[in-house]
Each structure stands twice: as structure tokens, then as C-alpha cells.
Amino acid sequence: MMIKKIIVLSISLAVSSASSFAFAEGNAAIGKTKAASCAGCHGEDGNSMAATFPKLAGQHAGYIVQQLNAFKNGSRNAPMMAPLAMGLDEESIKDIAAYYASKKISANELPVFEYDEDDEELTEEAKAEKNAELKELIVLGADLYRNGNLKTEVSACIACHGPVGEGNRPASFPLLQGQHADYLIKALTDFKKGARSNTPDNIMHMIAKKMSDKEIKAVSYHISIKK
């Protein structure tokens, strides 16, 4: 019953927020020049090379505007981003958002089990088992994304972020598909711990706090695979 209430809340937020997040679109061509200083972390076209920095390519402009303003006014705590956002006026924020929204997000390679020095002596059979465990984790993530977890009242991601992680542009719910798994894990962990709370009615904290670390990792791996 709680799951249904959360899903209904999510959908109602999407509808009610659509008009409040509406804004005049920026100029993508001008935004390309203004985004030059962002390339070091987020990549020239918004596809960051470092998995800890989010990809911005293809992200909904409204969401980028929302987050840059959150960095600027301090409602989203990010020591690296705050000084940069504070130096941007409203027009620049919209132009940068328009530029990244016009780009295409890149595909990630399929997750693989990363072996460290302690794993060098593992037999081929043991390595195969670990890779099988990783595949099972991704399957779990797909199920969580579509159906949530009824036992722990974790709502399905699909309600707000769409069937394949395309997000909801009118409501400024972010596109997730193709995002770095490491970044998604950090974001969900921050929501879970309350380190990040700038979502309507703090809904992401309410969801993430009920997720286990395994579930966070699983759904992040699933989302990172571009459909």
C-alpha cells in the first residue's frame, strides 16, 4: 500500500511540477563557449571520462538549470560546484543547460568484475563465479528499477525516471540511462544518508534510506547500461 502511495505521490509531483519548472530555453551555441570551463570534469561534450563526475550530455535542460541554481543558493551542498555556479548569471545557466541537453550521452561498457592483487590467485572457476554474481546483481537492479521492493517499501524507479531511464523533461526529473555507475552509487548513498536532500518533499531520501548497499549498487549498475 505504501508503494502505491509513493508512486502516486511521484506522479502527482511530476504533473504539478511541470509548470513550475518551465523556463525560457537558453542558446546552445552560446552555451558551448560558456561551458568551456566545465570540460575539465564533465568532458567537452558533457561525457565525463571519470566515473565519479556525472555525465551531463543529453540531460534535460530544466534539471541542469535546477541543479546549478541549487549549487548557487546552497540548497545542494557541493564545495567544488558552488563557487562555479555562483559566478553564473541566469542567462548563462540556461545557455549551458541548453548546450549539454543538445548533446548525446555516451554508452558505458558493460560492468565487469575488477580483480585486485588479492584476486590474482583465484582459479578460472572462481573468477567465473564472481562474474556470474555480477550478472545476478545487474538482474536484481533491473527488477528493482521496474518493480521496487515490496517487502522494504522501496518504490520503483520507473515511476519518475521512465521505462528506460529517460527521465521526465516537463517535471525536470533527470535522465539516468547511461550515467556512470560510480556516480549513481554516490548520489543514492548521499540521498540515503541525508547528505543530499534537494528533491521535492525529499522523496529521494525517503526511497534511498530503505535501500541496502547491495540494492544501490545493483540498480546503479543496471541504469548505467544505456538501453
C-alpha atoms as a PDB file:
ATOM      1  CA  MET A   1       0.000   0.000   0.000  1.00  0.00           C
ATOM      2  CA  MET A   2       2.849   2.342   0.866  1.00  0.00           C
ATOM      3  CA  ILE A   3       4.471   1.641  -2.512  1.00  0.00           C
ATOM      4  CA  LYS A   4       1.306   2.733  -4.288  1.00  0.00           C
ATOM      5  CA  LYS A   5       1.158   5.917  -2.219  1.00  0.00           C
ATOM      6  CA  ILE A   6       4.746   6.781  -3.088  1.00  0.00           C
ATOM      7  CA  ILE A   7       4.163   6.117  -6.785  1.00  0.00           C
ATOM      8  CA  VAL A   8       1.017   8.252  -6.751  1.00  0.00           C
ATOM      9  CA  LEU A   9       2.977  10.987  -4.973  1.00  0.00           C
ATOM     10  CA  SER A  10       5.755  10.736  -7.562  1.00  0.00           C
ATOM     11  CA  ILE A  11       3.340  11.042 -10.465  1.00  0.00           C
ATOM     12  CA  SER A  12       1.458  13.910  -8.861  1.00  0.00           C
ATOM     13  CA  LEU A  13       4.746  15.691  -8.252  1.00  0.00           C
ATOM     14  CA  ALA A  14       5.631  15.237 -11.904  1.00  0.00           C
ATOM     15  CA  VAL A  15       2.344  16.756 -13.027  1.00  0.00           C
ATOM     16  CA  SER A  16       2.245  19.576 -10.506  1.00  0.00           C
ATOM     17  CA  SER A  17       5.883  20.467 -11.038  1.00  0.00           C
ATOM     18  CA  ALA A  18       5.715  20.636 -14.816  1.00  0.00           C
ATOM     19  CA  SER A  19       4.535  24.237 -14.928  1.00  0.00           C
ATOM     20  CA  SER A  20       6.715  25.442 -12.058  1.00  0.00           C
ATOM     21  CA  PHE A  21       9.896  24.223 -13.752  1.00  0.00           C
ATOM     22  CA  ALA A  22       9.005  25.761 -17.107  1.00  0.00           C
ATOM     23  CA  PHE A  23      11.519  28.318 -18.344  1.00  0.00           C
ATOM     24  CA  ALA A  24      12.716  30.050 -21.485  1.00  0.00           C
ATOM     25  CA  GLU A  25      15.243  27.889 -23.288  1.00  0.00           C
ATOM     26  CA  GLY A  26      18.838  29.012 -23.486  1.00  0.00           C
ATOM     27  CA  ASN A  27      21.111  29.287 -26.511  1.00  0.00           C
ATOM     28  CA  ALA A  28      23.086  26.065 -27.030  1.00  0.00           C
ATOM     29  CA  ALA A  29      25.633  27.674 -29.368  1.00  0.00           C
ATOM     30  CA  ILE A  30      26.486  30.354 -26.823  1.00  0.00           C
ATOM     31  CA  GLY A  31      26.335  27.748 -24.067  1.00  0.00           C
ATOM     32  CA  LYS A  32      29.143  25.769 -25.711  1.00  0.00           C
ATOM     33  CA  THR A  33      31.536  28.669 -25.149  1.00  0.00           C
ATOM     34  CA  LYS A  34      30.315  29.287 -21.612  1.00  0.00           C
ATOM     35  CA  ALA A  35      30.692  25.588 -20.751  1.00  0.00           C
ATOM     36  CA  ALA A  36      34.384  25.520 -21.687  1.00  0.00           C
ATOM     37  CA  SER A  37      35.449  25.686 -18.043  1.00  0.00           C
ATOM     38  CA  CYS A  38      33.233  22.658 -17.259  1.00  0.00           C
ATOM     39  CA  ALA A  39      35.059  20.402 -19.735  1.00  0.00           C
ATOM     40  CA  GLY A  40      37.855  19.505 -17.318  1.00  0.00           C
ATOM     41  CA  CYS A  41      35.476  17.456 -15.172  1.00  0.00           C
ATOM     42  CA  HIS A  42      32.451  16.806 -17.372  1.00  0.00           C
ATOM     43  CA  GLY A  43      34.074  16.388 -20.776  1.00  0.00           C
ATOM     44  CA  GLU A  44      33.944  18.711 -23.760  1.00  0.00           C
ATOM     45  CA  ASP A  45      30.601  17.302 -24.906  1.00  0.00           C
ATOM     46  CA  GLY A  46      29.282  16.501 -21.436  1.00  0.00           C
ATOM     47  CA  ASN A  47      30.507  12.903 -21.393  1.00  0.00           C
ATOM     48  CA  SER A  48      32.907  12.812 -18.478  1.00  0.00           C
ATOM     49  CA  MET A  49      35.786  10.368 -18.588  1.00  0.00           C
ATOM     50  CA  ALA A  50      35.990  10.000 -14.789  1.00  0.00           C
ATOM     51  CA  ALA A  51      33.243   7.777 -13.378  1.00  0.00           C
ATOM     52  CA  THR A  52      32.927   9.943 -10.273  1.00  0.00           C
ATOM     53  CA  PHE A  53      31.928  13.010 -12.318  1.00  0.00           C
ATOM     54  CA  PRO A  54      28.414  12.877 -13.788  1.00  0.00           C
ATOM     55  CA  LYS A  55      27.730  12.894 -17.489  1.00  0.00           C
ATOM     56  CA  LEU A  56      25.718  15.966 -18.478  1.00  0.00           C
ATOM     57  CA  ALA A  57      25.230  15.134 -22.159  1.00  0.00           C
ATOM     58  CA  GLY A  58      21.577  14.635 -23.031  1.00  0.00           C
ATOM     59  CA  GLN A  59      20.434  15.711 -19.592  1.00  0.00           C
ATOM     60  CA  HIS A  60      17.184  17.676 -19.530  1.00  0.00           C
ATOM     61  CA  ALA A  61      17.920  21.405 -19.565  1.00  0.00           C
ATOM     62  CA  GLY A  62      15.382  22.091 -16.834  1.00  0.00           C
ATOM     63  CA  TYR A  63      17.122  19.672 -14.493  1.00  0.00           C
ATOM     64  CA  ILE A  64      20.561  21.206 -15.157  1.00  0.00           C
ATOM     65  CA  VAL A  65      19.146  24.686 -14.502  1.00  0.00           C
ATOM     66  CA  GLN A  66      17.544  23.417 -11.303  1.00  0.00           C
ATOM     67  CA  GLN A  67      20.766  21.854 -10.029  1.00  0.00           C
ATOM     68  CA  LEU A  68      23.017  24.796 -10.939  1.00  0.00           C
ATOM     69  CA  ASN A  69      20.674  27.092  -9.040  1.00  0.00           C
ATOM     70  CA  ALA A  70      20.749  24.675  -6.111  1.00  0.00           C
ATOM     71  CA  PHE A  71      24.563  24.803  -6.110  1.00  0.00           C
ATOM     72  CA  LYS A  72      24.358  28.583  -6.338  1.00  0.00           C
ATOM     73  CA  ASN A  73      21.913  29.098  -3.459  1.00  0.00           C
ATOM     74  CA  GLY A  74      23.422  26.386  -1.273  1.00  0.00           C
ATOM     75  CA  SER A  75      20.407  24.067  -1.169  1.00  0.00           C
ATOM     76  CA  ARG A  76      22.649  21.398  -2.685  1.00  0.00           C
ATOM     77  CA  ASN A  77      25.934  21.123  -0.835  1.00  0.00           C
ATOM     78  CA  ALA A  78      28.885  20.751  -3.216  1.00  0.00           C
ATOM     79  CA  PRO A  79      32.113  22.620  -2.352  1.00  0.00           C
ATOM     80  CA  MET A  80      33.509  22.138  -5.872  1.00  0.00           C
ATOM     81  CA  MET A  81      30.425  23.301  -7.730  1.00  0.00           C
ATOM     82  CA  ALA A  82      29.223  26.156  -5.518  1.00  0.00           C
ATOM     83  CA  PRO A  83      31.951  28.693  -6.438  1.00  0.00           C
ATOM     84  CA  LEU A  84      31.500  27.953 -10.144  1.00  0.00           C
ATOM     85  CA  ALA A  85      27.715  28.246 -10.017  1.00  0.00           C
ATOM     86  CA  MET A  86      27.878  31.498  -8.056  1.00  0.00           C
ATOM     87  CA  GLY A  87      29.729  33.087 -10.955  1.00  0.00           C
ATOM     88  CA  LEU A  88      26.930  32.303 -13.412  1.00  0.00           C
ATOM     89  CA  ASP A  89      24.000  34.596 -14.124  1.00  0.00           C
ATOM     90  CA  GLU A  90      20.567  33.246 -15.027  1.00  0.00           C
ATOM     91  CA  GLU A  91      21.122  33.546 -18.778  1.00  0.00           C
ATOM     92  CA  SER A  92      24.451  31.715 -18.626  1.00  0.00           C
ATOM     93  CA  ILE A  93      22.913  28.890 -16.617  1.00  0.00           C
ATOM     94  CA  LYS A  94      20.204  28.446 -19.240  1.00  0.00           C
ATOM     95  CA  ASP A  95      22.709  28.605 -22.119  1.00  0.00           C
ATOM     96  CA  ILE A  96      24.970  25.968 -20.542  1.00  0.00           C
ATOM     97  CA  ALA A  97      21.971  23.770 -19.809  1.00  0.00           C
ATOM     98  CA  ALA A  98      20.794  24.079 -23.422  1.00  0.00           C
ATOM     99  CA  TYR A  99      24.236  23.112 -24.715  1.00  0.00           C
ATOM    100  CA  TYR A 100      24.523  19.930 -22.670  1.00  0.00           C
ATOM    101  CA  ALA A 101      20.899  18.993 -23.391  1.00  0.00           C
ATOM    102  CA  SER A 102      21.695  19.144 -27.111  1.00  0.00           C
ATOM    103  CA  LYS A 103      24.482  16.552 -26.844  1.00  0.00           C
ATOM    104  CA  LYS A 104      24.145  12.767 -26.830  1.00  0.00           C
ATOM    105  CA  ILE A 105      25.102  10.718 -23.803  1.00  0.00           C
ATOM    106  CA  SER A 106      27.675   8.030 -24.492  1.00  0.00           C
ATOM    107  CA  ALA A 107      27.255   4.339 -23.767  1.00  0.00           C
ATOM    108  CA  ASN A 108      29.219   2.677 -20.979  1.00  0.00           C
ATOM    109  CA  GLU A 109      30.999  -0.617 -21.308  1.00  0.00           C
ATOM    110  CA  LEU A 110      29.246  -3.490 -19.575  1.00  0.00           C
ATOM    111  CA  PRO A 111      30.287  -3.783 -15.910  1.00  0.00           C
ATOM    112  CA  VAL A 112      32.917  -6.448 -15.282  1.00  0.00           C
ATOM    113  CA  PHE A 113      34.370  -7.856 -12.093  1.00  0.00           C
ATOM    114  CA  GLU A 114      37.544  -5.917 -11.302  1.00  0.00           C
ATOM    115  CA  TYR A 115      40.306  -8.073  -9.889  1.00  0.00           C
ATOM    116  CA  ASP A 116      42.747  -6.680  -7.367  1.00  0.00           C
ATOM    117  CA  GLU A 117      46.094  -8.082  -6.212  1.00  0.00           C
ATOM    118  CA  ASP A 118      44.412 -10.415  -3.729  1.00  0.00           C
ATOM    119  CA  ASP A 119      42.390 -11.955  -6.555  1.00  0.00           C
ATOM    120  CA  GLU A 120      45.346 -12.867  -8.780  1.00  0.00           C
ATOM    121  CA  GLU A 121      45.486 -16.383  -7.345  1.00  0.00           C
ATOM    122  CA  LEU A 122      41.808 -17.077  -7.986  1.00  0.00           C
ATOM    123  CA  THR A 123      41.101 -20.041 -10.199  1.00  0.00           C
ATOM    124  CA  GLU A 124      39.298 -19.516 -13.502  1.00  0.00           C
ATOM    125  CA  GLU A 125      36.287 -21.218 -11.957  1.00  0.00           C
ATOM    126  CA  ALA A 126      36.277 -18.769  -9.049  1.00  0.00           C
ATOM    127  CA  LYS A 127      36.564 -15.822 -11.432  1.00  0.00           C
ATOM    128  CA  ALA A 128      33.653 -17.179 -13.446  1.00  0.00           C
ATOM    129  CA  GLU A 129      31.580 -17.391 -10.265  1.00  0.00           C
ATOM    130  CA  LYS A 130      32.340 -13.766  -9.414  1.00  0.00           C
ATOM    131  CA  ASN A 131      31.339 -12.630 -12.900  1.00  0.00           C
ATOM    132  CA  ALA A 132      28.138 -14.668 -12.546  1.00  0.00           C
ATOM    133  CA  GLU A 133      27.448 -12.863  -9.260  1.00  0.00           C
ATOM    134  CA  LEU A 134      27.893  -9.538 -11.050  1.00  0.00           C
ATOM    135  CA  LYS A 135      25.386 -10.548 -13.725  1.00  0.00           C
ATOM    136  CA  GLU A 136      22.924 -11.555 -10.997  1.00  0.00           C
ATOM    137  CA  LEU A 137      23.422  -8.153  -9.392  1.00  0.00           C
ATOM    138  CA  ILE A 138      22.514  -6.412 -12.647  1.00  0.00           C
ATOM    139  CA  VAL A 139      19.396  -8.597 -12.953  1.00  0.00           C
ATOM    140  CA  LEU A 140      18.449  -7.601  -9.400  1.00  0.00           C
ATOM    141  CA  GLY A 141      18.939  -3.959 -10.369  1.00  0.00           C
ATOM    142  CA  ALA A 142      16.620  -4.341 -13.343  1.00  0.00           C
ATOM    143  CA  ASP A 143      13.918  -5.821 -11.106  1.00  0.00           C
ATOM    144  CA  LEU A 144      14.318  -3.062  -8.521  1.00  0.00           C
ATOM    145  CA  TYR A 145      14.136  -0.408 -11.213  1.00  0.00           C
ATOM    146  CA  ARG A 146      10.884  -1.806 -12.622  1.00  0.00           C
ATOM    147  CA  ASN A 147       9.173  -3.169  -9.535  1.00  0.00           C
ATOM    148  CA  GLY A 148      10.847  -1.796  -6.413  1.00  0.00           C
ATOM    149  CA  ASN A 149      10.935  -3.934  -3.262  1.00  0.00           C
ATOM    150  CA  LEU A 150       7.531  -4.631  -1.739  1.00  0.00           C
ATOM    151  CA  LYS A 151       8.963  -6.060   1.494  1.00  0.00           C
ATOM    152  CA  THR A 152      11.011  -2.972   2.340  1.00  0.00           C
ATOM    153  CA  GLU A 153       8.656  -0.494   0.623  1.00  0.00           C
ATOM    154  CA  VAL A 154      11.247   0.727  -1.865  1.00  0.00           C
ATOM    155  CA  SER A 155       9.317   2.257  -4.760  1.00  0.00           C
ATOM    156  CA  ALA A 156      10.162   1.532  -8.383  1.00  0.00           C
ATOM    157  CA  CYS A 157      12.451   3.984 -10.180  1.00  0.00           C
ATOM    158  CA  ILE A 158      10.336   3.667 -13.320  1.00  0.00           C
ATOM    159  CA  ALA A 159       7.573   5.810 -11.767  1.00  0.00           C
ATOM    160  CA  CYS A 160       9.610   9.017 -12.066  1.00  0.00           C
ATOM    161  CA  HIS A 161      12.508   8.153 -14.359  1.00  0.00           C
ATOM    162  CA  GLY A 162      10.683   6.289 -17.106  1.00  0.00           C
ATOM    163  CA  PRO A 163      10.877   2.769 -18.589  1.00  0.00           C
ATOM    164  CA  VAL A 164      14.484   3.077 -19.755  1.00  0.00           C
ATOM    165  CA  GLY A 165      15.763   5.862 -17.506  1.00  0.00           C
ATOM    166  CA  GLU A 166      14.842   8.680 -19.887  1.00  0.00           C
ATOM    167  CA  GLY A 167      13.543  10.816 -17.052  1.00  0.00           C
ATOM    168  CA  ASN A 168      10.670  13.285 -17.209  1.00  0.00           C
ATOM    169  CA  ARG A 169      11.568  16.517 -19.003  1.00  0.00           C
ATOM    170  CA  PRO A 170       8.472  18.605 -18.071  1.00  0.00           C
ATOM    171  CA  ALA A 171       8.935  17.765 -14.389  1.00  0.00           C
ATOM    172  CA  SER A 172      12.736  18.086 -14.563  1.00  0.00           C
ATOM    173  CA  PHE A 173      13.227  14.537 -13.297  1.00  0.00           C
ATOM    174  CA  PRO A 174      16.683  13.612 -14.608  1.00  0.00           C
ATOM    175  CA  LEU A 175      17.669  11.284 -17.383  1.00  0.00           C
ATOM    176  CA  LEU A 176      19.586   8.402 -15.779  1.00  0.00           C
ATOM    177  CA  GLN A 177      20.330   5.885 -18.528  1.00  0.00           C
ATOM    178  CA  GLY A 178      23.999   5.755 -19.483  1.00  0.00           C
ATOM    179  CA  GLN A 179      25.128   7.594 -16.355  1.00  0.00           C
ATOM    180  CA  HIS A 180      28.304   6.362 -14.643  1.00  0.00           C
ATOM    181  CA  ALA A 181      27.505   3.636 -12.098  1.00  0.00           C
ATOM    182  CA  ASP A 182      30.028   5.037  -9.606  1.00  0.00           C
ATOM    183  CA  TYR A 183      28.352   8.440  -9.700  1.00  0.00           C
ATOM    184  CA  LEU A 184      24.895   6.902  -9.283  1.00  0.00           C
ATOM    185  CA  ILE A 185      26.099   4.876  -6.299  1.00  0.00           C
ATOM    186  CA  LYS A 186      27.451   8.039  -4.677  1.00  0.00           C
ATOM    187  CA  ALA A 187      24.278  10.005  -5.410  1.00  0.00           C
ATOM    188  CA  LEU A 188      21.986   7.332  -3.964  1.00  0.00           C
ATOM    189  CA  THR A 189      24.251   6.911  -0.946  1.00  0.00           C
ATOM    190  CA  ASP A 190      24.176  10.672  -0.349  1.00  0.00           C
ATOM    191  CA  PHE A 191      20.381  10.630  -0.563  1.00  0.00           C
ATOM    192  CA  LYS A 192      20.281   7.654   1.809  1.00  0.00           C
ATOM    193  CA  LYS A 193      22.458   9.378   4.413  1.00  0.00           C
ATOM    194  CA  GLY A 194      20.683  12.712   4.057  1.00  0.00           C
ATOM    195  CA  ALA A 195      23.789  14.418   2.683  1.00  0.00           C
ATOM    196  CA  ARG A 196      21.698  15.429  -0.314  1.00  0.00           C
ATOM    197  CA  SER A 197      18.073  16.453   0.026  1.00  0.00           C
ATOM    198  CA  ASN A 198      17.180  18.846  -2.797  1.00  0.00           C
ATOM    199  CA  THR A 199      14.279  16.848  -4.241  1.00  0.00           C
ATOM    200  CA  PRO A 200      10.528  17.590  -3.946  1.00  0.00           C
ATOM    201  CA  ASP A 201       9.332  16.532  -0.478  1.00  0.00           C
ATOM    202  CA  ASN A 202      12.781  14.960  -0.030  1.00  0.00           C
ATOM    203  CA  ILE A 203      11.390  11.965  -1.910  1.00  0.00           C
ATOM    204  CA  MET A 204      14.781  10.536  -2.921  1.00  0.00           C
ATOM    205  CA  HIS A 205      15.889  10.353   0.701  1.00  0.00           C
ATOM    206  CA  MET A 206      12.633   8.630   1.632  1.00  0.00           C
ATOM    207  CA  ILE A 207      13.293   5.991  -1.027  1.00  0.00           C
ATOM    208  CA  ALA A 208      17.072   5.581  -0.727  1.00  0.00           C
ATOM    209  CA  LYS A 209      17.080   5.257   3.072  1.00  0.00           C
ATOM    210  CA  LYS A 210      15.186   1.974   2.687  1.00  0.00           C
ATOM    211  CA  MET A 211      17.663   0.564   0.169  1.00  0.00           C
ATOM    212  CA  SER A 212      20.512  -1.730   1.131  1.00  0.00           C
ATOM    213  CA  ASP A 213      24.009  -1.013  -0.161  1.00  0.00           C
ATOM    214  CA  LYS A 214      23.634  -4.056  -2.409  1.00  0.00           C
ATOM    215  CA  GLU A 215      20.410  -2.693  -3.881  1.00  0.00           C
ATOM    216  CA  ILE A 216      22.001   0.702  -4.501  1.00  0.00           C
ATOM    217  CA  LYS A 217      24.891  -0.935  -6.321  1.00  0.00           C
ATOM    218  CA  ALA A 218      22.577  -3.227  -8.280  1.00  0.00           C
ATOM    219  CA  VAL A 219      20.224  -0.538  -9.559  1.00  0.00           C
ATOM    220  CA  SER A 220      23.156   1.765 -10.369  1.00  0.00           C
ATOM    221  CA  TYR A 221      24.792  -0.926 -12.496  1.00  0.00           C
ATOM    222  CA  HIS A 222      21.506  -1.558 -14.288  1.00  0.00           C
ATOM    223  CA  ILE A 223      20.913   2.129 -15.013  1.00  0.00           C
ATOM    224  CA  SER A 224      24.461   2.658 -16.267  1.00  0.00           C
ATOM    225  CA  ILE A 225      23.830   0.303 -19.192  1.00  0.00           C
ATOM    226  CA  LYS A 226      22.388   2.528 -21.914  1.00  0.00           C
ATOM    227  CA  LYS A 227      19.304   0.952 -23.473  1.00  0.00           C
END
